[in-house]
Amino acid sequence: MVKKRSKKKIKVSPISLTLHNNNIKRIVERLCSYYNEERMKGKDSTMILNGINQFFITEQQKPELLLSWKMDCKR
């Protein structure tokens, strides 16, 4: 016997979806900016990406921490 899945619609407010998209946009912009800055310093792209990857692993992939990490790097 196969159980049928219930098709519940998850309601997401347009405001929360917009906020989520804005956060993703900010993260991507800062990642690109960080990558470009490090490349201009002569760092190898593999090193830069490994550093970003290690940050995500260490911080359990919390994007808000990435934003604060990026701000700390600029200081």
N, C-alpha and C. Protein backbone atom coordinates (compact mmCIF):
# COMPACT_ATOMS: atom_id res chain seq x y z
N MET A 1 0.83 -1.17 0.00
CA MET A 1 0.00 0.00 0.00
C MET A 1 0.89 1.25 0.00
N VAL A 2 0.55 2.20 -0.85
CA VAL A 2 1.31 3.44 -0.97
C VAL A 2 0.52 4.56 -0.32
N LYS A 3 1.18 5.27 0.59
CA LYS A 3 0.53 6.41 1.23
C LYS A 3 0.60 7.62 0.32
N LYS A 4 -0.48 8.35 0.28
CA LYS A 4 -0.50 9.58 -0.50
C LYS A 4 0.06 10.71 0.35
N ARG A 5 0.84 11.52 -0.30
CA ARG A 5 1.35 12.71 0.39
C ARG A 5 0.30 13.80 0.37
N SER A 6 0.19 14.47 1.47
CA SER A 6 -0.73 15.61 1.48
C SER A 6 -0.04 16.78 0.79
N LYS A 7 -0.80 17.49 0.03
CA LYS A 7 -0.23 18.62 -0.71
C LYS A 7 -0.58 19.91 0.03
N LYS A 8 0.19 20.17 1.06
CA LYS A 8 -0.01 21.40 1.83
C LYS A 8 0.82 22.50 1.20
N LYS A 9 0.19 23.62 1.00
CA LYS A 9 0.92 24.77 0.47
C LYS A 9 1.51 25.55 1.63
N ILE A 10 2.76 25.86 1.48
CA ILE A 10 3.43 26.67 2.49
C ILE A 10 3.26 28.12 2.09
N LYS A 11 2.70 28.87 2.99
CA LYS A 11 2.48 30.29 2.70
C LYS A 11 3.70 31.09 3.13
N VAL A 12 4.24 31.82 2.19
CA VAL A 12 5.38 32.68 2.47
C VAL A 12 4.97 34.09 2.08
N SER A 13 5.12 34.99 3.01
CA SER A 13 4.71 36.35 2.71
C SER A 13 5.68 36.98 1.70
N PRO A 14 5.17 37.84 0.83
CA PRO A 14 6.05 38.51 -0.13
C PRO A 14 7.16 39.30 0.56
N ILE A 15 6.87 39.83 1.74
CA ILE A 15 7.88 40.60 2.47
C ILE A 15 9.02 39.70 2.91
N SER A 16 8.70 38.53 3.49
CA SER A 16 9.77 37.65 3.94
C SER A 16 10.56 37.09 2.76
N LEU A 17 9.89 36.84 1.64
CA LEU A 17 10.59 36.37 0.44
C LEU A 17 11.52 37.45 -0.09
N THR A 18 11.07 38.69 -0.08
CA THR A 18 11.91 39.81 -0.51
C THR A 18 13.11 39.97 0.41
N LEU A 19 12.89 39.88 1.71
CA LEU A 19 14.00 39.99 2.67
C LEU A 19 15.00 38.87 2.46
N HIS A 20 14.50 37.67 2.23
CA HIS A 20 15.38 36.51 1.98
C HIS A 20 16.21 36.75 0.72
N ASN A 21 15.56 37.20 -0.36
CA ASN A 21 16.28 37.46 -1.61
C ASN A 21 17.30 38.58 -1.45
N ASN A 22 16.97 39.60 -0.68
CA ASN A 22 17.91 40.70 -0.44
C ASN A 22 19.12 40.21 0.34
N ASN A 23 18.90 39.33 1.31
CA ASN A 23 20.03 38.78 2.07
C ASN A 23 20.94 37.97 1.18
N ILE A 24 20.35 37.15 0.32
CA ILE A 24 21.15 36.36 -0.61
C ILE A 24 21.92 37.28 -1.54
N LYS A 25 21.26 38.31 -2.03
CA LYS A 25 21.92 39.26 -2.93
C LYS A 25 23.11 39.92 -2.23
N ARG A 26 22.92 40.34 -0.98
CA ARG A 26 24.02 40.97 -0.22
C ARG A 26 25.18 40.01 -0.03
N ILE A 27 24.87 38.77 0.29
CA ILE A 27 25.92 37.78 0.50
C ILE A 27 26.71 37.56 -0.78
N VAL A 28 26.00 37.41 -1.90
CA VAL A 28 26.68 37.19 -3.18
C VAL A 28 27.52 38.39 -3.55
N GLU A 29 26.99 39.60 -3.36
CA GLU A 29 27.76 40.80 -3.68
C GLU A 29 29.04 40.87 -2.84
N ARG A 30 28.93 40.56 -1.56
CA ARG A 30 30.11 40.63 -0.69
C ARG A 30 31.11 39.53 -1.00
N LEU A 31 30.61 38.35 -1.35
CA LEU A 31 31.52 37.28 -1.75
C LEU A 31 32.29 37.66 -3.01
N CYS A 32 31.59 38.21 -3.98
CA CYS A 32 32.24 38.63 -5.22
C CYS A 32 33.25 39.73 -4.96
N SER A 33 32.86 40.68 -4.13
CA SER A 33 33.76 41.78 -3.79
C SER A 33 35.00 41.26 -3.09
N TYR A 34 34.81 40.37 -2.12
CA TYR A 34 35.93 39.79 -1.38
C TYR A 34 36.84 39.02 -2.33
N TYR A 35 36.25 38.22 -3.19
CA TYR A 35 37.04 37.44 -4.15
C TYR A 35 37.88 38.36 -5.03
N ASN A 36 37.26 39.41 -5.56
CA ASN A 36 37.98 40.34 -6.44
C ASN A 36 39.10 41.07 -5.70
N GLU A 37 38.83 41.48 -4.46
CA GLU A 37 39.86 42.16 -3.66
C GLU A 37 41.07 41.25 -3.43
N GLU A 38 40.79 40.00 -3.09
CA GLU A 38 41.88 39.06 -2.83
C GLU A 38 42.65 38.73 -4.10
N ARG A 39 41.97 38.65 -5.23
CA ARG A 39 42.65 38.41 -6.50
C ARG A 39 43.57 39.58 -6.85
N MET A 40 43.11 40.80 -6.55
CA MET A 40 43.94 41.97 -6.83
C MET A 40 45.18 41.99 -5.94
N LYS A 41 45.11 41.34 -4.79
CA LYS A 41 46.28 41.23 -3.91
C LYS A 41 47.22 40.13 -4.38
N GLY A 42 46.81 39.41 -5.43
CA GLY A 42 47.67 38.38 -5.99
C GLY A 42 47.42 36.98 -5.45
N LYS A 43 46.37 36.81 -4.67
CA LYS A 43 46.09 35.49 -4.13
C LYS A 43 45.49 34.59 -5.21
N ASP A 44 45.83 33.31 -5.11
CA ASP A 44 45.32 32.31 -6.04
C ASP A 44 43.83 32.08 -5.78
N SER A 45 43.05 31.93 -6.85
CA SER A 45 41.61 31.78 -6.69
C SER A 45 41.24 30.52 -5.90
N THR A 46 42.01 29.47 -6.05
CA THR A 46 41.73 28.25 -5.28
C THR A 46 41.89 28.51 -3.79
N MET A 47 42.92 29.27 -3.41
CA MET A 47 43.13 29.61 -2.00
C MET A 47 41.96 30.42 -1.45
N ILE A 48 41.50 31.38 -2.25
CA ILE A 48 40.39 32.24 -1.81
C ILE A 48 39.13 31.40 -1.60
N LEU A 49 38.81 30.56 -2.57
CA LEU A 49 37.60 29.75 -2.47
C LEU A 49 37.70 28.73 -1.34
N ASN A 50 38.88 28.18 -1.12
CA ASN A 50 39.07 27.26 0.01
C ASN A 50 38.86 27.98 1.33
N GLY A 51 39.34 29.22 1.42
CA GLY A 51 39.14 30.01 2.64
C GLY A 51 37.67 30.28 2.90
N ILE A 52 36.93 30.63 1.87
CA ILE A 52 35.49 30.86 2.01
C ILE A 52 34.79 29.57 2.40
N ASN A 53 35.17 28.48 1.76
CA ASN A 53 34.59 27.17 2.06
C ASN A 53 34.85 26.77 3.52
N GLN A 54 36.06 26.96 3.99
CA GLN A 54 36.40 26.64 5.38
C GLN A 54 35.58 27.49 6.35
N PHE A 55 35.37 28.74 5.99
CA PHE A 55 34.56 29.61 6.84
C PHE A 55 33.14 29.04 6.98
N PHE A 56 32.55 28.64 5.84
CA PHE A 56 31.20 28.08 5.88
C PHE A 56 31.15 26.79 6.70
N ILE A 57 32.16 25.94 6.55
CA ILE A 57 32.20 24.69 7.31
C ILE A 57 32.32 24.97 8.81
N THR A 58 33.23 25.85 9.17
CA THR A 58 33.47 26.18 10.58
C THR A 58 32.23 26.80 11.22
N GLU A 59 31.58 27.68 10.50
CA GLU A 59 30.43 28.40 11.06
C GLU A 59 29.10 27.73 10.74
N GLN A 60 29.15 26.49 10.28
CA GLN A 60 27.95 25.70 9.98
C GLN A 60 27.04 26.40 8.97
N GLN A 61 27.63 27.04 8.02
CA GLN A 61 26.94 27.65 6.88
C GLN A 61 25.86 28.66 7.29
N LYS A 62 26.21 29.54 8.18
CA LYS A 62 25.27 30.58 8.61
C LYS A 62 25.60 31.85 7.83
N PRO A 63 24.76 32.21 6.85
CA PRO A 63 25.07 33.37 6.00
C PRO A 63 25.24 34.68 6.75
N GLU A 64 24.49 34.87 7.84
CA GLU A 64 24.62 36.13 8.58
C GLU A 64 26.01 36.26 9.18
N LEU A 65 26.65 35.14 9.51
CA LEU A 65 28.01 35.21 10.02
C LEU A 65 28.99 35.59 8.92
N LEU A 66 28.68 35.18 7.69
CA LEU A 66 29.53 35.54 6.57
C LEU A 66 29.53 37.06 6.39
N LEU A 67 28.37 37.66 6.54
CA LEU A 67 28.28 39.11 6.40
C LEU A 67 29.16 39.80 7.44
N SER A 68 29.11 39.34 8.67
CA SER A 68 29.93 39.97 9.71
C SER A 68 31.41 39.66 9.48
N TRP A 69 31.72 38.44 9.01
CA TRP A 69 33.10 38.07 8.71
C TRP A 69 33.66 38.98 7.61
N LYS A 70 32.87 39.22 6.59
CA LYS A 70 33.31 40.07 5.49
C LYS A 70 33.55 41.48 5.99
N MET A 71 32.69 41.97 6.88
CA MET A 71 32.87 43.32 7.41
C MET A 71 34.14 43.39 8.25
N ASP A 72 34.45 42.33 9.00
CA ASP A 72 35.67 42.29 9.80
C ASP A 72 36.91 42.28 8.91
N CYS A 73 36.82 41.63 7.76
CA CYS A 73 37.96 41.56 6.83
C CYS A 73 38.30 42.95 6.28
N LYS A 74 37.30 43.80 6.17
CA LYS A 74 37.53 45.13 5.60
C LYS A 74 38.21 46.06 6.59
N ARG A 75 38.16 45.74 7.88
CA ARG A 75 38.74 46.63 8.90
C ARG A 75 40.23 46.53 8.93
